[in-house]
Amino acid sequence: LLQNVEDPTRFILYEAYDSEDAAAAHKETAHYKTWRDDVAPHMALPRKGIKYRAIRPE
């Protein structure tokens, strides 16, 4: 979880997965669905996913 230093009300939650399938499977877990539903009312804007490619050693 990252907090914007200029606007402490803004956060970025980043997650890394080994594959698209792993990310999709995570979104089907009970704990993810509970988290998603619990945080939704606290969001100033709707959540949006932004995909990045990892540049790191394997």
PDB file of N, CA and C in Angstrom:
ATOM      1  N   LEU A   1       0.861  -1.168   0.000  1.00  0.00           N
ATOM      2  CA  LEU A   1       0.000   0.000   0.000  1.00  0.00           C
ATOM      3  C   LEU A   1       0.903   1.224   0.000  1.00  0.00           C
ATOM      4  N   LEU A   2       0.656   2.128  -0.915  1.00  0.00           N
ATOM      5  CA  LEU A   2       1.429   3.363  -1.027  1.00  0.00           C
ATOM      6  C   LEU A   2       0.512   4.548  -0.764  1.00  0.00           C
ATOM      7  N   GLN A   3       1.039   5.553  -0.062  1.00  0.00           N
ATOM      8  CA  GLN A   3       0.281   6.775   0.216  1.00  0.00           C
ATOM      9  C   GLN A   3       0.953   7.936  -0.498  1.00  0.00           C
ATOM     10  N   ASN A   4       0.163   8.734  -1.188  1.00  0.00           N
ATOM     11  CA  ASN A   4       0.665   9.897  -1.901  1.00  0.00           C
ATOM     12  C   ASN A   4       1.210  10.913  -0.897  1.00  0.00           C
ATOM     13  N   VAL A   5       2.447  11.360  -1.082  1.00  0.00           N
ATOM     14  CA  VAL A   5       3.054  12.298  -0.127  1.00  0.00           C
ATOM     15  C   VAL A   5       2.472  13.705  -0.255  1.00  0.00           C
ATOM     16  N   GLU A   6       1.940  14.047  -1.415  1.00  0.00           N
ATOM     17  CA  GLU A   6       1.346  15.370  -1.609  1.00  0.00           C
ATOM     18  C   GLU A   6      -0.127  15.411  -1.218  1.00  0.00           C
ATOM     19  N   ASP A   7      -0.795  14.271  -1.286  1.00  0.00           N
ATOM     20  CA  ASP A   7      -2.208  14.186  -0.912  1.00  0.00           C
ATOM     21  C   ASP A   7      -2.402  12.911  -0.099  1.00  0.00           C
ATOM     22  N   PRO A   8      -2.316  13.012   1.215  1.00  0.00           N
ATOM     23  CA  PRO A   8      -2.381  11.816   2.050  1.00  0.00           C
ATOM     24  C   PRO A   8      -3.733  11.105   2.054  1.00  0.00           C
ATOM     25  N   THR A   9      -4.705  11.633   1.312  1.00  0.00           N
ATOM     26  CA  THR A   9      -5.988  10.936   1.187  1.00  0.00           C
ATOM     27  C   THR A   9      -5.991   9.988  -0.008  1.00  0.00           C
ATOM     28  N   ARG A  10      -4.896   9.956  -0.760  1.00  0.00           N
ATOM     29  CA  ARG A  10      -4.807   9.105  -1.958  1.00  0.00           C
ATOM     30  C   ARG A  10      -3.841   7.960  -1.711  1.00  0.00           C
ATOM     31  N   PHE A  11      -4.263   6.774  -2.103  1.00  0.00           N
ATOM     32  CA  PHE A  11      -3.477   5.564  -1.892  1.00  0.00           C
ATOM     33  C   PHE A  11      -3.434   4.739  -3.169  1.00  0.00           C
ATOM     34  N   ILE A  12      -2.412   3.922  -3.276  1.00  0.00           N
ATOM     35  CA  ILE A  12      -2.315   2.917  -4.332  1.00  0.00           C
ATOM     36  C   ILE A  12      -2.029   1.586  -3.651  1.00  0.00           C
ATOM     37  N   LEU A  13      -2.854   0.607  -3.937  1.00  0.00           N
ATOM     38  CA  LEU A  13      -2.620  -0.757  -3.483  1.00  0.00           C
ATOM     39  C   LEU A  13      -2.077  -1.513  -4.678  1.00  0.00           C
ATOM     40  N   TYR A  14      -0.867  -2.026  -4.550  1.00  0.00           N
ATOM     41  CA  TYR A  14      -0.334  -2.779  -5.682  1.00  0.00           C
ATOM     42  C   TYR A  14      -0.126  -4.220  -5.283  1.00  0.00           C
ATOM     43  N   GLU A  15      -0.375  -5.082  -6.257  1.00  0.00           N
ATOM     44  CA  GLU A  15      -0.236  -6.518  -6.072  1.00  0.00           C
ATOM     45  C   GLU A  15       0.515  -7.066  -7.275  1.00  0.00           C
ATOM     46  N   ALA A  16       1.232  -8.142  -7.073  1.00  0.00           N
ATOM     47  CA  ALA A  16       1.981  -8.781  -8.156  1.00  0.00           C
ATOM     48  C   ALA A  16       1.595 -10.254  -8.211  1.00  0.00           C
ATOM     49  N   TYR A  17       1.361 -10.727  -9.402  1.00  0.00           N
ATOM     50  CA  TYR A  17       0.977 -12.123  -9.621  1.00  0.00           C
ATOM     51  C   TYR A  17       1.882 -12.725 -10.683  1.00  0.00           C
ATOM     52  N   ASP A  18       2.020 -14.038 -10.641  1.00  0.00           N
ATOM     53  CA  ASP A  18       2.868 -14.729 -11.609  1.00  0.00           C
ATOM     54  C   ASP A  18       2.228 -14.827 -12.985  1.00  0.00           C
ATOM     55  N   SER A  19       0.903 -14.680 -13.060  1.00  0.00           N
ATOM     56  CA  SER A  19       0.213 -14.810 -14.345  1.00  0.00           C
ATOM     57  C   SER A  19      -1.163 -14.155 -14.259  1.00  0.00           C
ATOM     58  N   GLU A  20      -1.771 -13.963 -15.409  1.00  0.00           N
ATOM     59  CA  GLU A  20      -3.146 -13.445 -15.468  1.00  0.00           C
ATOM     60  C   GLU A  20      -4.098 -14.421 -14.781  1.00  0.00           C
ATOM     61  N   ASP A  21      -3.838 -15.722 -14.971  1.00  0.00           N
ATOM     62  CA  ASP A  21      -4.687 -16.731 -14.337  1.00  0.00           C
ATOM     63  C   ASP A  21      -4.609 -16.641 -12.818  1.00  0.00           C
ATOM     64  N   ALA A  22      -3.416 -16.400 -12.288  1.00  0.00           N
ATOM     65  CA  ALA A  22      -3.253 -16.279 -10.836  1.00  0.00           C
ATOM     66  C   ALA A  22      -4.002 -15.056 -10.308  1.00  0.00           C
ATOM     67  N   ALA A  23      -3.956 -13.961 -11.037  1.00  0.00           N
ATOM     68  CA  ALA A  23      -4.686 -12.756 -10.628  1.00  0.00           C
ATOM     69  C   ALA A  23      -6.192 -13.008 -10.660  1.00  0.00           C
ATOM     70  N   ALA A  24      -6.660 -13.654 -11.709  1.00  0.00           N
ATOM     71  CA  ALA A  24      -8.091 -13.954 -11.824  1.00  0.00           C
ATOM     72  C   ALA A  24      -8.539 -14.902 -10.718  1.00  0.00           C
ATOM     73  N   ALA A  25      -7.717 -15.891 -10.399  1.00  0.00           N
ATOM     74  CA  ALA A  25      -8.059 -16.839  -9.333  1.00  0.00           C
ATOM     75  C   ALA A  25      -8.152 -16.121  -7.987  1.00  0.00           C
ATOM     76  N   HIS A  26      -7.250 -15.189  -7.752  1.00  0.00           N
ATOM     77  CA  HIS A  26      -7.279 -14.429  -6.494  1.00  0.00           C
ATOM     78  C   HIS A  26      -8.594 -13.674  -6.345  1.00  0.00           C
ATOM     79  N   LYS A  27      -9.092 -13.132  -7.436  1.00  0.00           N
ATOM     80  CA  LYS A  27     -10.335 -12.358  -7.380  1.00  0.00           C
ATOM     81  C   LYS A  27     -11.565 -13.228  -7.132  1.00  0.00           C
ATOM     82  N   GLU A  28     -11.397 -14.534  -7.179  1.00  0.00           N
ATOM     83  CA  GLU A  28     -12.498 -15.453  -6.888  1.00  0.00           C
ATOM     84  C   GLU A  28     -12.467 -15.964  -5.452  1.00  0.00           C
ATOM     85  N   THR A  29     -11.455 -15.589  -4.673  1.00  0.00           N
ATOM     86  CA  THR A  29     -11.356 -16.074  -3.297  1.00  0.00           C
ATOM     87  C   THR A  29     -12.333 -15.331  -2.388  1.00  0.00           C
ATOM     88  N   ALA A  30     -12.727 -16.005  -1.326  1.00  0.00           N
ATOM     89  CA  ALA A  30     -13.670 -15.404  -0.377  1.00  0.00           C
ATOM     90  C   ALA A  30     -13.079 -14.164   0.285  1.00  0.00           C
ATOM     91  N   HIS A  31     -11.800 -14.215   0.651  1.00  0.00           N
ATOM     92  CA  HIS A  31     -11.220 -13.063   1.354  1.00  0.00           C
ATOM     93  C   HIS A  31     -11.125 -11.842   0.443  1.00  0.00           C
ATOM     94  N   TYR A  32     -10.865 -12.052  -0.854  1.00  0.00           N
ATOM     95  CA  TYR A  32     -10.834 -10.917  -1.779  1.00  0.00           C
ATOM     96  C   TYR A  32     -12.225 -10.303  -1.904  1.00  0.00           C
ATOM     97  N   LYS A  33     -13.229 -11.148  -2.085  1.00  0.00           N
ATOM     98  CA  LYS A  33     -14.595 -10.642  -2.249  1.00  0.00           C
ATOM     99  C   LYS A  33     -15.067  -9.896  -1.005  1.00  0.00           C
ATOM    100  N   THR A  34     -14.689 -10.391   0.167  1.00  0.00           N
ATOM    101  CA  THR A  34     -15.034  -9.698   1.408  1.00  0.00           C
ATOM    102  C   THR A  34     -14.350  -8.343   1.464  1.00  0.00           C
ATOM    103  N   TRP A  35     -13.052  -8.308   1.150  1.00  0.00           N
ATOM    104  CA  TRP A  35     -12.306  -7.043   1.150  1.00  0.00           C
ATOM    105  C   TRP A  35     -12.933  -6.063   0.166  1.00  0.00           C
ATOM    106  N   ARG A  36     -13.178  -6.516  -1.059  1.00  0.00           N
ATOM    107  CA  ARG A  36     -13.757  -5.658  -2.103  1.00  0.00           C
ATOM    108  C   ARG A  36     -15.062  -5.030  -1.635  1.00  0.00           C
ATOM    109  N   ASP A  37     -15.926  -5.834  -1.059  1.00  0.00           N
ATOM    110  CA  ASP A  37     -17.220  -5.325  -0.607  1.00  0.00           C
ATOM    111  C   ASP A  37     -17.082  -4.405   0.605  1.00  0.00           C
ATOM    112  N   ASP A  38     -16.133  -4.714   1.488  1.00  0.00           N
ATOM    113  CA  ASP A  38     -15.936  -3.888   2.687  1.00  0.00           C
ATOM    114  C   ASP A  38     -15.365  -2.507   2.368  1.00  0.00           C
ATOM    115  N   VAL A  39     -14.466  -2.423   1.397  1.00  0.00           N
ATOM    116  CA  VAL A  39     -13.820  -1.135   1.117  1.00  0.00           C
ATOM    117  C   VAL A  39     -14.609  -0.260   0.144  1.00  0.00           C
ATOM    118  N   ALA A  40     -15.504  -0.838  -0.618  1.00  0.00           N
ATOM    119  CA  ALA A  40     -16.225  -0.083  -1.649  1.00  0.00           C
ATOM    120  C   ALA A  40     -16.869   1.204  -1.125  1.00  0.00           C
ATOM    121  N   PRO A  41     -17.539   1.181   0.027  1.00  0.00           N
ATOM    122  CA  PRO A  41     -18.171   2.417   0.497  1.00  0.00           C
ATOM    123  C   PRO A  41     -17.181   3.505   0.919  1.00  0.00           C
ATOM    124  N   HIS A  42     -15.926   3.139   1.102  1.00  0.00           N
ATOM    125  CA  HIS A  42     -14.921   4.099   1.571  1.00  0.00           C
ATOM    126  C   HIS A  42     -14.120   4.732   0.430  1.00  0.00           C
ATOM    127  N   MET A  43     -14.379   4.311  -0.790  1.00  0.00           N
ATOM    128  CA  MET A  43     -13.625   4.809  -1.940  1.00  0.00           C
ATOM    129  C   MET A  43     -14.193   6.137  -2.426  1.00  0.00           C
ATOM    130  N   ALA A  44     -13.317   7.117  -2.634  1.00  0.00           N
ATOM    131  CA  ALA A  44     -13.746   8.398  -3.198  1.00  0.00           C
ATOM    132  C   ALA A  44     -14.076   8.241  -4.676  1.00  0.00           C
ATOM    133  N   LEU A  45     -13.368   7.341  -5.338  1.00  0.00           N
ATOM    134  CA  LEU A  45     -13.580   7.031  -6.755  1.00  0.00           C
ATOM    135  C   LEU A  45     -13.650   5.520  -6.896  1.00  0.00           C
ATOM    136  N   PRO A  46     -14.301   5.026  -7.936  1.00  0.00           N
ATOM    137  CA  PRO A  46     -14.306   3.579  -8.146  1.00  0.00           C
ATOM    138  C   PRO A  46     -12.875   3.052  -8.337  1.00  0.00           C
ATOM    139  N   ARG A  47     -12.648   1.842  -7.844  1.00  0.00           N
ATOM    140  CA  ARG A  47     -11.336   1.221  -8.044  1.00  0.00           C
ATOM    141  C   ARG A  47     -11.131   0.970  -9.532  1.00  0.00           C
ATOM    142  N   LYS A  48      -9.876   1.009  -9.970  1.00  0.00           N
ATOM    143  CA  LYS A  48      -9.572   0.637 -11.345  1.00  0.00           C
ATOM    144  C   LYS A  48      -8.235  -0.083 -11.357  1.00  0.00           C
ATOM    145  N   GLY A  49      -8.162  -1.096 -12.156  1.00  0.00           N
ATOM    146  CA  GLY A  49      -6.928  -1.860 -12.281  1.00  0.00           C
ATOM    147  C   GLY A  49      -6.072  -1.299 -13.403  1.00  0.00           C
ATOM    148  N   ILE A  50      -4.807  -1.198 -13.149  1.00  0.00           N
ATOM    149  CA  ILE A  50      -3.845  -0.764 -14.161  1.00  0.00           C
ATOM    150  C   ILE A  50      -2.777  -1.839 -14.236  1.00  0.00           C
ATOM    151  N   LYS A  51      -2.580  -2.394 -15.409  1.00  0.00           N
ATOM    152  CA  LYS A  51      -1.626  -3.493 -15.562  1.00  0.00           C
ATOM    153  C   LYS A  51      -0.248  -2.958 -15.928  1.00  0.00           C
ATOM    154  N   TYR A  52       0.753  -3.555 -15.322  1.00  0.00           N
ATOM    155  CA  TYR A  52       2.152  -3.239 -15.606  1.00  0.00           C
ATOM    156  C   TYR A  52       2.893  -4.538 -15.876  1.00  0.00           C
ATOM    157  N   ARG A  53       3.975  -4.434 -16.575  1.00  0.00           N
ATOM    158  CA  ARG A  53       4.850  -5.577 -16.816  1.00  0.00           C
ATOM    159  C   ARG A  53       6.001  -5.476 -15.826  1.00  0.00           C
ATOM    160  N   ALA A  54       6.304  -6.572 -15.166  1.00  0.00           N
ATOM    161  CA  ALA A  54       7.418  -6.591 -14.212  1.00  0.00           C
ATOM    162  C   ALA A  54       8.745  -6.601 -14.961  1.00  0.00           C
ATOM    163  N   ILE A  55       9.647  -5.755 -14.527  1.00  0.00           N
ATOM    164  CA  ILE A  55      11.002  -5.730 -15.079  1.00  0.00           C
ATOM    165  C   ILE A  55      11.918  -6.011 -13.897  1.00  0.00           C
ATOM    166  N   ARG A  56      12.262  -7.270 -13.762  1.00  0.00           N
ATOM    167  CA  ARG A  56      13.073  -7.720 -12.636  1.00  0.00           C
ATOM    168  C   ARG A  56      13.713  -9.051 -12.992  1.00  0.00           C
ATOM    169  N   PRO A  57      14.709  -9.432 -12.278  1.00  0.00           N
ATOM    170  CA  PRO A  57      15.258 -10.775 -12.521  1.00  0.00           C
ATOM    171  C   PRO A  57      14.228 -11.837 -12.163  1.00  0.00           C
ATOM    172  N   GLU A  58      14.247 -12.924 -12.868  1.00  0.00           N
ATOM    173  CA  GLU A  58      13.323 -14.037 -12.572  1.00  0.00           C
ATOM    174  C   GLU A  58      13.761 -14.768 -11.339  1.00  0.00           C
TER     175      GLU A  58
END
